[in-house]
Amino acid sequence: MKKGEAKIEFFSNLNYLKKEFESGLVVSKFLYKKAKNNINLQMTYKQFNKYFNEVFINNQTKTIKTPKNNNEIIKVNVENEPVKLQIKPNNKKVFDAKFGKKFNDNDIL
């Protein structure tokens, strides 16, 4: 397949794939095999899995119960994003020769 043809093929068969996914075929390997047999997909499994994860796995909605009233359920769109950590530098002079030792400046040559 030429560059971009797999994407076109995947999204042109998206209605069929969504129907199968919602009916219970949530494992990409089984969905790929069924689609390859039924609708004659030409793309490789690696290409299929890339678009499968983008469309079906990363855009799942999760339900959250509110703490005030447990009967209310909120659907939240959750996208997979990398964890953002705040790095705090160490203000101490760790690589200083005098670190942790008591010296007078007159003692050093």
PDB file of N, CA and C in Angstrom:
ATOM      1  N   MET A   1       0.835  -1.184   0.000  1.00  0.00           N
ATOM      2  CA  MET A   1       0.000   0.000   0.000  1.00  0.00           C
ATOM      3  C   MET A   1       0.879   1.248   0.000  1.00  0.00           C
ATOM      4  N   LYS A   2       0.424   2.263  -0.704  1.00  0.00           N
ATOM      5  CA  LYS A   2       1.155   3.518  -0.724  1.00  0.00           C
ATOM      6  C   LYS A   2       0.863   4.301   0.547  1.00  0.00           C
ATOM      7  N   LYS A   3       1.675   5.316   0.764  1.00  0.00           N
ATOM      8  CA  LYS A   3       1.535   6.132   1.966  1.00  0.00           C
ATOM      9  C   LYS A   3       0.158   6.804   1.989  1.00  0.00           C
ATOM     10  N   GLY A   4      -0.571   6.628   3.086  1.00  0.00           N
ATOM     11  CA  GLY A   4      -1.873   7.254   3.257  1.00  0.00           C
ATOM     12  C   GLY A   4      -3.053   6.379   2.858  1.00  0.00           C
ATOM     13  N   GLU A   5      -2.801   5.317   2.101  1.00  0.00           N
ATOM     14  CA  GLU A   5      -3.906   4.460   1.665  1.00  0.00           C
ATOM     15  C   GLU A   5      -4.518   3.679   2.819  1.00  0.00           C
ATOM     16  N   ALA A   6      -3.702   3.292   3.790  1.00  0.00           N
ATOM     17  CA  ALA A   6      -4.218   2.541   4.942  1.00  0.00           C
ATOM     18  C   ALA A   6      -5.179   3.403   5.755  1.00  0.00           C
ATOM     19  N   LYS A   7      -4.823   4.676   5.904  1.00  0.00           N
ATOM     20  CA  LYS A   7      -5.691   5.593   6.663  1.00  0.00           C
ATOM     21  C   LYS A   7      -7.035   5.761   5.949  1.00  0.00           C
ATOM     22  N   ILE A   8      -6.980   5.896   4.635  1.00  0.00           N
ATOM     23  CA  ILE A   8      -8.211   6.043   3.855  1.00  0.00           C
ATOM     24  C   ILE A   8      -9.062   4.786   3.976  1.00  0.00           C
ATOM     25  N   GLU A   9      -8.408   3.631   3.885  1.00  0.00           N
ATOM     26  CA  GLU A   9      -9.137   2.363   3.976  1.00  0.00           C
ATOM     27  C   GLU A   9      -9.766   2.183   5.352  1.00  0.00           C
ATOM     28  N   PHE A  10      -9.017   2.555   6.410  1.00  0.00           N
ATOM     29  CA  PHE A  10      -9.545   2.405   7.768  1.00  0.00           C
ATOM     30  C   PHE A  10     -10.770   3.285   7.967  1.00  0.00           C
ATOM     31  N   PHE A  11     -10.656   4.568   7.602  1.00  0.00           N
ATOM     32  CA  PHE A  11     -11.760   5.487   7.863  1.00  0.00           C
ATOM     33  C   PHE A  11     -12.931   5.287   6.897  1.00  0.00           C
ATOM     34  N   SER A  12     -12.698   4.680   5.743  1.00  0.00           N
ATOM     35  CA  SER A  12     -13.829   4.380   4.865  1.00  0.00           C
ATOM     36  C   SER A  12     -14.652   3.212   5.404  1.00  0.00           C
ATOM     37  N   ASN A  13     -14.042   2.356   6.204  1.00  0.00           N
ATOM     38  CA  ASN A  13     -14.747   1.226   6.820  1.00  0.00           C
ATOM     39  C   ASN A  13     -15.051   1.477   8.295  1.00  0.00           C
ATOM     40  N   LEU A  14     -15.011   2.720   8.718  1.00  0.00           N
ATOM     41  CA  LEU A  14     -15.163   3.056  10.132  1.00  0.00           C
ATOM     42  C   LEU A  14     -16.535   2.668  10.678  1.00  0.00           C
ATOM     43  N   ASN A  15     -17.592   2.814   9.890  1.00  0.00           N
ATOM     44  CA  ASN A  15     -18.933   2.449  10.373  1.00  0.00           C
ATOM     45  C   ASN A  15     -19.010   0.971  10.710  1.00  0.00           C
ATOM     46  N   TYR A  16     -18.461   0.128   9.843  1.00  0.00           N
ATOM     47  CA  TYR A  16     -18.445  -1.321  10.104  1.00  0.00           C
ATOM     48  C   TYR A  16     -17.617  -1.630  11.350  1.00  0.00           C
ATOM     49  N   LEU A  17     -16.459  -0.992  11.470  1.00  0.00           N
ATOM     50  CA  LEU A  17     -15.575  -1.254  12.612  1.00  0.00           C
ATOM     51  C   LEU A  17     -16.209  -0.791  13.925  1.00  0.00           C
ATOM     52  N   LYS A  18     -16.888   0.361  13.898  1.00  0.00           N
ATOM     53  CA  LYS A  18     -17.571   0.843  15.111  1.00  0.00           C
ATOM     54  C   LYS A  18     -18.680  -0.108  15.530  1.00  0.00           C
ATOM     55  N   LYS A  19     -19.423  -0.608  14.542  1.00  0.00           N
ATOM     56  CA  LYS A  19     -20.517  -1.533  14.844  1.00  0.00           C
ATOM     57  C   LYS A  19     -19.973  -2.802  15.494  1.00  0.00           C
ATOM     58  N   GLU A  20     -18.894  -3.342  14.975  1.00  0.00           N
ATOM     59  CA  GLU A  20     -18.292  -4.548  15.539  1.00  0.00           C
ATOM     60  C   GLU A  20     -17.682  -4.276  16.911  1.00  0.00           C
ATOM     61  N   PHE A  21     -17.070  -3.106  17.077  1.00  0.00           N
ATOM     62  CA  PHE A  21     -16.471  -2.738  18.363  1.00  0.00           C
ATOM     63  C   PHE A  21     -17.544  -2.628  19.440  1.00  0.00           C
ATOM     64  N   GLU A  22     -18.654  -1.991  19.115  1.00  0.00           N
ATOM     65  CA  GLU A  22     -19.737  -1.823  20.086  1.00  0.00           C
ATOM     66  C   GLU A  22     -20.477  -3.122  20.362  1.00  0.00           C
ATOM     67  N   SER A  23     -20.406  -4.076  19.429  1.00  0.00           N
ATOM     68  CA  SER A  23     -21.060  -5.364  19.665  1.00  0.00           C
ATOM     69  C   SER A  23     -20.204  -6.300  20.511  1.00  0.00           C
ATOM     70  N   GLY A  24     -18.966  -5.909  20.804  1.00  0.00           N
ATOM     71  CA  GLY A  24     -18.172  -6.712  21.728  1.00  0.00           C
ATOM     72  C   GLY A  24     -16.781  -7.082  21.265  1.00  0.00           C
ATOM     73  N   LEU A  25     -16.415  -6.800  20.032  1.00  0.00           N
ATOM     74  CA  LEU A  25     -15.058  -7.098  19.565  1.00  0.00           C
ATOM     75  C   LEU A  25     -14.132  -5.944  19.942  1.00  0.00           C
ATOM     76  N   VAL A  26     -13.658  -5.944  21.184  1.00  0.00           N
ATOM     77  CA  VAL A  26     -12.845  -4.835  21.664  1.00  0.00           C
ATOM     78  C   VAL A  26     -11.352  -5.118  21.559  1.00  0.00           C
ATOM     79  N   VAL A  27     -10.975  -6.331  21.198  1.00  0.00           N
ATOM     80  CA  VAL A  27      -9.562  -6.664  21.019  1.00  0.00           C
ATOM     81  C   VAL A  27      -9.217  -6.426  19.555  1.00  0.00           C
ATOM     82  N   SER A  28      -8.197  -5.612  19.323  1.00  0.00           N
ATOM     83  CA  SER A  28      -7.890  -5.193  17.956  1.00  0.00           C
ATOM     84  C   SER A  28      -7.493  -6.359  17.060  1.00  0.00           C
ATOM     85  N   LYS A  29      -6.843  -7.364  17.609  1.00  0.00           N
ATOM     86  CA  LYS A  29      -6.400  -8.510  16.802  1.00  0.00           C
ATOM     87  C   LYS A  29      -7.589  -9.266  16.213  1.00  0.00           C
ATOM     88  N   PHE A  30      -8.609  -9.515  17.035  1.00  0.00           N
ATOM     89  CA  PHE A  30      -9.783 -10.242  16.563  1.00  0.00           C
ATOM     90  C   PHE A  30     -10.605  -9.399  15.589  1.00  0.00           C
ATOM     91  N   LEU A  31     -10.702  -8.106  15.874  1.00  0.00           N
ATOM     92  CA  LEU A  31     -11.434  -7.218  14.978  1.00  0.00           C
ATOM     93  C   LEU A  31     -10.732  -7.130  13.629  1.00  0.00           C
ATOM     94  N   TYR A  32      -9.407  -7.095  13.630  1.00  0.00           N
ATOM     95  CA  TYR A  32      -8.639  -7.051  12.381  1.00  0.00           C
ATOM     96  C   TYR A  32      -8.863  -8.318  11.554  1.00  0.00           C
ATOM     97  N   LYS A  33      -8.803  -9.485  12.222  1.00  0.00           N
ATOM     98  CA  LYS A  33      -8.993 -10.749  11.489  1.00  0.00           C
ATOM     99  C   LYS A  33     -10.391 -10.834  10.877  1.00  0.00           C
ATOM    100  N   LYS A  34     -11.397 -10.406  11.634  1.00  0.00           N
ATOM    101  CA  LYS A  34     -12.774 -10.457  11.127  1.00  0.00           C
ATOM    102  C   LYS A  34     -12.958  -9.481   9.966  1.00  0.00           C
ATOM    103  N   ALA A  35     -12.390  -8.278  10.100  1.00  0.00           N
ATOM    104  CA  ALA A  35     -12.516  -7.287   9.035  1.00  0.00           C
ATOM    105  C   ALA A  35     -11.739  -7.722   7.795  1.00  0.00           C
ATOM    106  N   LYS A  36     -10.604  -8.362   7.990  1.00  0.00           N
ATOM    107  CA  LYS A  36      -9.807  -8.830   6.857  1.00  0.00           C
ATOM    108  C   LYS A  36     -10.567  -9.897   6.072  1.00  0.00           C
ATOM    109  N   ASN A  37     -11.297 -10.757   6.782  1.00  0.00           N
ATOM    110  CA  ASN A  37     -12.078 -11.799   6.105  1.00  0.00           C
ATOM    111  C   ASN A  37     -13.360 -11.251   5.481  1.00  0.00           C
ATOM    112  N   ASN A  38     -14.074 -10.386   6.203  1.00  0.00           N
ATOM    113  CA  ASN A  38     -15.390  -9.932   5.741  1.00  0.00           C
ATOM    114  C   ASN A  38     -15.324  -8.800   4.718  1.00  0.00           C
ATOM    115  N   ILE A  39     -14.507  -7.786   4.978  1.00  0.00           N
ATOM    116  CA  ILE A  39     -14.488  -6.631   4.069  1.00  0.00           C
ATOM    117  C   ILE A  39     -13.191  -6.529   3.284  1.00  0.00           C
ATOM    118  N   ASN A  40     -12.326  -7.547   3.399  1.00  0.00           N
ATOM    119  CA  ASN A  40     -11.104  -7.660   2.604  1.00  0.00           C
ATOM    120  C   ASN A  40     -10.176  -6.455   2.799  1.00  0.00           C
ATOM    121  N   LEU A  41      -9.751  -6.231   4.030  1.00  0.00           N
ATOM    122  CA  LEU A  41      -8.786  -5.169   4.315  1.00  0.00           C
ATOM    123  C   LEU A  41      -7.438  -5.510   3.685  1.00  0.00           C
ATOM    124  N   GLN A  42      -6.765  -4.516   3.136  1.00  0.00           N
ATOM    125  CA  GLN A  42      -5.460  -4.719   2.517  1.00  0.00           C
ATOM    126  C   GLN A  42      -4.316  -4.262   3.421  1.00  0.00           C
ATOM    127  N   MET A  43      -4.614  -3.511   4.453  1.00  0.00           N
ATOM    128  CA  MET A  43      -3.558  -2.963   5.315  1.00  0.00           C
ATOM    129  C   MET A  43      -3.004  -4.034   6.240  1.00  0.00           C
ATOM    130  N   THR A  44      -1.816  -3.756   6.786  1.00  0.00           N
ATOM    131  CA  THR A  44      -1.201  -4.683   7.734  1.00  0.00           C
ATOM    132  C   THR A  44      -1.810  -4.476   9.114  1.00  0.00           C
ATOM    133  N   TYR A  45      -1.546  -5.445   9.995  1.00  0.00           N
ATOM    134  CA  TYR A  45      -2.076  -5.343  11.356  1.00  0.00           C
ATOM    135  C   TYR A  45      -1.464  -4.152  12.086  1.00  0.00           C
ATOM    136  N   LYS A  46      -0.191  -3.875  11.838  1.00  0.00           N
ATOM    137  CA  LYS A  46       0.482  -2.754  12.503  1.00  0.00           C
ATOM    138  C   LYS A  46      -0.208  -1.431  12.155  1.00  0.00           C
ATOM    139  N   GLN A  47      -0.544  -1.247  10.889  1.00  0.00           N
ATOM    140  CA  GLN A  47      -1.245  -0.033  10.469  1.00  0.00           C
ATOM    141  C   GLN A  47      -2.644   0.020  11.077  1.00  0.00           C
ATOM    142  N   PHE A  48      -3.337  -1.112  11.044  1.00  0.00           N
ATOM    143  CA  PHE A  48      -4.686  -1.180  11.597  1.00  0.00           C
ATOM    144  C   PHE A  48      -4.675  -0.847  13.083  1.00  0.00           C
ATOM    145  N   ASN A  49      -3.719  -1.410  13.805  1.00  0.00           N
ATOM    146  CA  ASN A  49      -3.646  -1.214  15.248  1.00  0.00           C
ATOM    147  C   ASN A  49      -3.375   0.246  15.596  1.00  0.00           C
ATOM    148  N   LYS A  50      -2.580   0.926  14.786  1.00  0.00           N
ATOM    149  CA  LYS A  50      -2.300   2.347  15.023  1.00  0.00           C
ATOM    150  C   LYS A  50      -3.594   3.163  14.985  1.00  0.00           C
ATOM    151  N   TYR A  51      -4.389   2.983  13.946  1.00  0.00           N
ATOM    152  CA  TYR A  51      -5.636   3.744  13.814  1.00  0.00           C
ATOM    153  C   TYR A  51      -6.697   3.263  14.796  1.00  0.00           C
ATOM    154  N   PHE A  52      -6.690   1.977  15.109  1.00  0.00           N
ATOM    155  CA  PHE A  52      -7.622   1.427  16.096  1.00  0.00           C
ATOM    156  C   PHE A  52      -7.406   2.098  17.448  1.00  0.00           C
ATOM    157  N   ASN A  53      -6.145   2.212  17.876  1.00  0.00           N
ATOM    158  CA  ASN A  53      -5.845   2.841  19.163  1.00  0.00           C
ATOM    159  C   ASN A  53      -6.190   4.323  19.158  1.00  0.00           C
ATOM    160  N   GLU A  54      -5.964   5.008  18.049  1.00  0.00           N
ATOM    161  CA  GLU A  54      -6.295   6.435  17.970  1.00  0.00           C
ATOM    162  C   GLU A  54      -7.799   6.667  18.090  1.00  0.00           C
ATOM    163  N   VAL A  55      -8.582   5.863  17.401  1.00  0.00           N
ATOM    164  CA  VAL A  55     -10.025   6.107  17.318  1.00  0.00           C
ATOM    165  C   VAL A  55     -10.782   5.520  18.499  1.00  0.00           C
ATOM    166  N   PHE A  56     -10.504   4.265  18.843  1.00  0.00           N
ATOM    167  CA  PHE A  56     -11.341   3.568  19.818  1.00  0.00           C
ATOM    168  C   PHE A  56     -10.790   3.617  21.239  1.00  0.00           C
ATOM    169  N   ILE A  57      -9.515   3.434  21.429  1.00  0.00           N
ATOM    170  CA  ILE A  57      -8.970   3.283  22.778  1.00  0.00           C
ATOM    171  C   ILE A  57      -8.724   4.625  23.449  1.00  0.00           C
ATOM    172  N   ASN A  58      -8.103   5.578  22.774  1.00  0.00           N
ATOM    173  CA  ASN A  58      -7.708   6.832  23.413  1.00  0.00           C
ATOM    174  C   ASN A  58      -8.864   7.785  23.657  1.00  0.00           C
ATOM    175  N   ASN A  59     -10.003   7.567  23.047  1.00  0.00           N
ATOM    176  CA  ASN A  59     -11.120   8.502  23.191  1.00  0.00           C
ATOM    177  C   ASN A  59     -12.275   7.892  23.971  1.00  0.00           C
ATOM    178  N   GLN A  60     -11.970   7.101  24.974  1.00  0.00           N
ATOM    179  CA  GLN A  60     -13.010   6.494  25.797  1.00  0.00           C
ATOM    180  C   GLN A  60     -13.550   7.535  26.781  1.00  0.00           C
ATOM    181  N   THR A  61     -14.810   7.402  27.151  1.00  0.00           N
ATOM    182  CA  THR A  61     -15.385   8.263  28.175  1.00  0.00           C
ATOM    183  C   THR A  61     -15.486   7.474  29.467  1.00  0.00           C
ATOM    184  N   LYS A  62     -15.159   8.119  30.565  1.00  0.00           N
ATOM    185  CA  LYS A  62     -15.236   7.471  31.866  1.00  0.00           C
ATOM    186  C   LYS A  62     -16.320   8.158  32.686  1.00  0.00           C
ATOM    187  N   THR A  63     -16.987   7.395  33.537  1.00  0.00           N
ATOM    188  CA  THR A  63     -18.034   7.961  34.376  1.00  0.00           C
ATOM    189  C   THR A  63     -17.468   8.252  35.756  1.00  0.00           C
ATOM    190  N   ILE A  64     -17.874   9.370  36.311  1.00  0.00           N
ATOM    191  CA  ILE A  64     -17.424   9.785  37.636  1.00  0.00           C
ATOM    192  C   ILE A  64     -18.655  10.105  38.470  1.00  0.00           C
ATOM    193  N   LYS A  65     -18.700   9.579  39.686  1.00  0.00           N
ATOM    194  CA  LYS A  65     -19.797   9.902  40.590  1.00  0.00           C
ATOM    195  C   LYS A  65     -19.423  11.145  41.381  1.00  0.00           C
ATOM    196  N   THR A  66     -20.377  12.051  41.514  1.00  0.00           N
ATOM    197  CA  THR A  66     -20.117  13.272  42.261  1.00  0.00           C
ATOM    198  C   THR A  66     -20.179  12.980  43.754  1.00  0.00           C
ATOM    199  N   PRO A  67     -19.341  13.631  44.554  1.00  0.00           N
ATOM    200  CA  PRO A  67     -19.344  13.347  45.990  1.00  0.00           C
ATOM    201  C   PRO A  67     -20.606  13.832  46.705  1.00  0.00           C
ATOM    202  N   LYS A  68     -21.287  14.857  46.186  1.00  0.00           N
ATOM    203  CA  LYS A  68     -22.476  15.380  46.851  1.00  0.00           C
ATOM    204  C   LYS A  68     -23.654  14.423  46.711  1.00  0.00           C
ATOM    205  N   ASN A  69     -23.857  13.946  45.512  1.00  0.00           N
ATOM    206  CA  ASN A  69     -25.001  13.081  45.253  1.00  0.00           C
ATOM    207  C   ASN A  69     -24.524  11.909  44.401  1.00  0.00           C
ATOM    208  N   ASN A  70     -24.569  10.711  44.955  1.00  0.00           N
ATOM    209  CA  ASN A  70     -24.059   9.540  44.246  1.00  0.00           C
ATOM    210  C   ASN A  70     -24.947   9.106  43.092  1.00  0.00           C
ATOM    211  N   ASN A  71     -26.139   9.659  43.001  1.00  0.00           N
ATOM    212  CA  ASN A  71     -27.034   9.272  41.918  1.00  0.00           C
ATOM    213  C   ASN A  71     -26.694   9.980  40.610  1.00  0.00           C
ATOM    214  N   GLU A  72     -25.998  11.105  40.696  1.00  0.00           N
ATOM    215  CA  GLU A  72     -25.628  11.839  39.492  1.00  0.00           C
ATOM    216  C   GLU A  72     -24.348  11.246  38.921  1.00  0.00           C
ATOM    217  N   ILE A  73     -24.366  10.978  37.647  1.00  0.00           N
ATOM    218  CA  ILE A  73     -23.188  10.429  36.975  1.00  0.00           C
ATOM    219  C   ILE A  73     -22.782  11.399  35.872  1.00  0.00           C
ATOM    220  N   ILE A  74     -21.510  11.724  35.853  1.00  0.00           N
ATOM    221  CA  ILE A  74     -20.979  12.644  34.858  1.00  0.00           C
ATOM    222  C   ILE A  74     -20.078  11.854  33.920  1.00  0.00           C
ATOM    223  N   LYS A  75     -20.253  12.044  32.612  1.00  0.00           N
ATOM    224  CA  LYS A  75     -19.349  11.421  31.646  1.00  0.00           C
ATOM    225  C   LYS A  75     -18.263  12.428  31.297  1.00  0.00           C
ATOM    226  N   VAL A  76     -17.033  11.984  31.407  1.00  0.00           N
ATOM    227  CA  VAL A  76     -15.895  12.859  31.168  1.00  0.00           C
ATOM    228  C   VAL A  76     -15.072  12.268  30.037  1.00  0.00           C
ATOM    229  N   ASN A  77     -14.689  13.108  29.084  1.00  0.00           N
ATOM    230  CA  ASN A  77     -13.808  12.661  28.012  1.00  0.00           C
ATOM    231  C   ASN A  77     -12.385  12.628  28.546  1.00  0.00           C
ATOM    232  N   VAL A  78     -11.757  11.480  28.481  1.00  0.00           N
ATOM    233  CA  VAL A  78     -10.401  11.332  28.981  1.00  0.00           C
ATOM    234  C   VAL A  78      -9.499  10.992  27.809  1.00  0.00           C
ATOM    235  N   GLU A  79      -8.489  11.813  27.603  1.00  0.00           N
ATOM    236  CA  GLU A  79      -7.521  11.537  26.554  1.00  0.00           C
ATOM    237  C   GLU A  79      -6.200  11.179  27.210  1.00  0.00           C
ATOM    238  N   ASN A  80      -5.495  10.268  26.598  1.00  0.00           N
ATOM    239  CA  ASN A  80      -4.214   9.850  27.150  1.00  0.00           C
ATOM    240  C   ASN A  80      -3.180  10.937  26.893  1.00  0.00           C
ATOM    241  N   GLU A  81      -2.726  11.543  27.963  1.00  0.00           N
ATOM    242  CA  GLU A  81      -1.700  12.561  27.876  1.00  0.00           C
ATOM    243  C   GLU A  81      -0.548  12.154  28.767  1.00  0.00           C
ATOM    244  N   PRO A  82       0.640  12.577  28.429  1.00  0.00           N
ATOM    245  CA  PRO A  82       1.760  12.250  29.307  1.00  0.00           C
ATOM    246  C   PRO A  82       1.622  12.960  30.647  1.00  0.00           C
ATOM    247  N   VAL A  83       2.157  12.351  31.674  1.00  0.00           N
ATOM    248  CA  VAL A  83       2.095  12.925  33.007  1.00  0.00           C
ATOM    249  C   VAL A  83       3.059  14.098  33.069  1.00  0.00           C
ATOM    250  N   LYS A  84       2.574  15.221  33.555  1.00  0.00           N
ATOM    251  CA  LYS A  84       3.406  16.411  33.661  1.00  0.00           C
ATOM    252  C   LYS A  84       3.882  16.545  35.100  1.00  0.00           C
ATOM    253  N   LEU A  85       5.171  16.440  35.290  1.00  0.00           N
ATOM    254  CA  LEU A  85       5.750  16.544  36.617  1.00  0.00           C
ATOM    255  C   LEU A  85       6.447  17.880  36.777  1.00  0.00           C
ATOM    256  N   GLN A  86       6.377  18.408  37.974  1.00  0.00           N
ATOM    257  CA  GLN A  86       7.085  19.637  38.262  1.00  0.00           C
ATOM    258  C   GLN A  86       8.413  19.264  38.912  1.00  0.00           C
ATOM    259  N   ILE A  87       9.496  19.694  38.304  1.00  0.00           N
ATOM    260  CA  ILE A  87      10.822  19.364  38.805  1.00  0.00           C
ATOM    261  C   ILE A  87      11.301  20.509  39.683  1.00  0.00           C
ATOM    262  N   LYS A  88      11.650  20.168  40.912  1.00  0.00           N
ATOM    263  CA  LYS A  88      12.157  21.167  41.842  1.00  0.00           C
ATOM    264  C   LYS A  88      13.663  20.967  41.979  1.00  0.00           C
ATOM    265  N   PRO A  89      14.448  21.948  41.592  1.00  0.00           N
ATOM    266  CA  PRO A  89      15.897  21.789  41.714  1.00  0.00           C
ATOM    267  C   PRO A  89      16.328  21.867  43.175  1.00  0.00           C
ATOM    268  N   ASN A  90      17.403  21.179  43.477  1.00  0.00           N
ATOM    269  CA  ASN A  90      17.945  21.179  44.826  1.00  0.00           C
ATOM    270  C   ASN A  90      18.752  22.460  45.013  1.00  0.00           C
ATOM    271  N   ASN A  91      18.379  23.269  45.977  1.00  0.00           N
ATOM    272  CA  ASN A  91      19.042  24.549  46.190  1.00  0.00           C
ATOM    273  C   ASN A  91      20.375  24.412  46.914  1.00  0.00           C
ATOM    274  N   LYS A  92      20.622  23.260  47.508  1.00  0.00           N
ATOM    275  CA  LYS A  92      21.875  23.074  48.223  1.00  0.00           C
ATOM    276  C   LYS A  92      23.009  22.882  47.229  1.00  0.00           C
ATOM    277  N   LYS A  93      24.192  23.275  47.642  1.00  0.00           N
ATOM    278  CA  LYS A  93      25.364  23.086  46.793  1.00  0.00           C
ATOM    279  C   LYS A  93      25.922  21.695  47.061  1.00  0.00           C
ATOM    280  N   VAL A  94      25.465  20.718  46.305  1.00  0.00           N
ATOM    281  CA  VAL A  94      25.854  19.333  46.534  1.00  0.00           C
ATOM    282  C   VAL A  94      27.287  19.085  46.085  1.00  0.00           C
ATOM    283  N   PHE A  95      27.734  19.733  45.041  1.00  0.00           N
ATOM    284  CA  PHE A  95      29.057  19.482  44.492  1.00  0.00           C
ATOM    285  C   PHE A  95      30.108  20.448  45.028  1.00  0.00           C
ATOM    286  N   ASP A  96      29.794  21.129  46.086  1.00  0.00           N
ATOM    287  CA  ASP A  96      30.758  22.030  46.704  1.00  0.00           C
ATOM    288  C   ASP A  96      31.706  21.206  47.570  1.00  0.00           C
ATOM    289  N   ALA A  97      32.992  21.522  47.527  1.00  0.00           N
ATOM    290  CA  ALA A  97      33.995  20.779  48.304  1.00  0.00           C
ATOM    291  C   ALA A  97      33.784  20.973  49.797  1.00  0.00           C
ATOM    292  N   LYS A  98      33.203  22.083  50.173  1.00  0.00           N
ATOM    293  CA  LYS A  98      32.992  22.376  51.592  1.00  0.00           C
ATOM    294  C   LYS A  98      31.608  21.932  52.079  1.00  0.00           C
ATOM    295  N   PHE A  99      30.840  21.213  51.244  1.00  0.00           N
ATOM    296  CA  PHE A  99      29.471  20.844  51.583  1.00  0.00           C
ATOM    297  C   PHE A  99      29.447  19.910  52.791  1.00  0.00           C
ATOM    298  N   GLY A 100      28.691  20.287  53.806  1.00  0.00           N
ATOM    299  CA  GLY A 100      28.505  19.448  54.985  1.00  0.00           C
ATOM    300  C   GLY A 100      29.677  19.445  55.947  1.00  0.00           C
ATOM    301  N   LYS A 101      30.675  20.258  55.724  1.00  0.00           N
ATOM    302  CA  LYS A 101      31.853  20.294  56.590  1.00  0.00           C
ATOM    303  C   LYS A 101      32.037  21.715  57.092  1.00  0.00           C
ATOM    304  N   LYS A 102      32.595  21.810  58.269  1.00  0.00           N
ATOM    305  CA  LYS A 102      32.834  23.130  58.846  1.00  0.00           C
ATOM    306  C   LYS A 102      34.300  23.494  58.627  1.00  0.00           C
ATOM    307  N   PHE A 103      34.508  24.482  57.780  1.00  0.00           N
ATOM    308  CA  PHE A 103      35.853  24.971  57.493  1.00  0.00           C
ATOM    309  C   PHE A 103      35.878  26.470  57.705  1.00  0.00           C
ATOM    310  N   ASN A 104      36.993  26.924  58.113  1.00  0.00           N
ATOM    311  CA  ASN A 104      37.244  28.360  58.096  1.00  0.00           C
ATOM    312  C   ASN A 104      37.936  28.660  56.779  1.00  0.00           C
ATOM    313  N   ASP A 105      37.653  29.789  56.216  1.00  0.00           N
ATOM    314  CA  ASP A 105      38.290  30.140  54.949  1.00  0.00           C
ATOM    315  C   ASP A 105      39.799  30.304  55.113  1.00  0.00           C
ATOM    316  N   ASN A 106      40.254  30.574  56.316  1.00  0.00           N
ATOM    317  CA  ASN A 106      41.691  30.732  56.557  1.00  0.00           C
ATOM    318  C   ASN A 106      42.410  29.378  56.552  1.00  0.00           C
ATOM    319  N   ASP A 107      41.691  28.273  56.812  1.00  0.00           N
ATOM    320  CA  ASP A 107      42.318  26.953  56.855  1.00  0.00           C
ATOM    321  C   ASP A 107      42.664  26.427  55.462  1.00  0.00           C
ATOM    322  N   ILE A 108      41.995  26.907  54.448  1.00  0.00           N
ATOM    323  CA  ILE A 108      42.207  26.414  53.090  1.00  0.00           C
ATOM    324  C   ILE A 108      43.356  27.177  52.457  1.00  0.00           C
ATOM    325  N   LEU A 109      44.280  26.443  51.807  1.00  0.00           N
ATOM    326  CA  LEU A 109      45.441  27.076  51.168  1.00  0.00           C
ATOM    327  C   LEU A 109      45.053  27.803  49.931  1.00  0.00           C
TER     328      LEU A 109
END
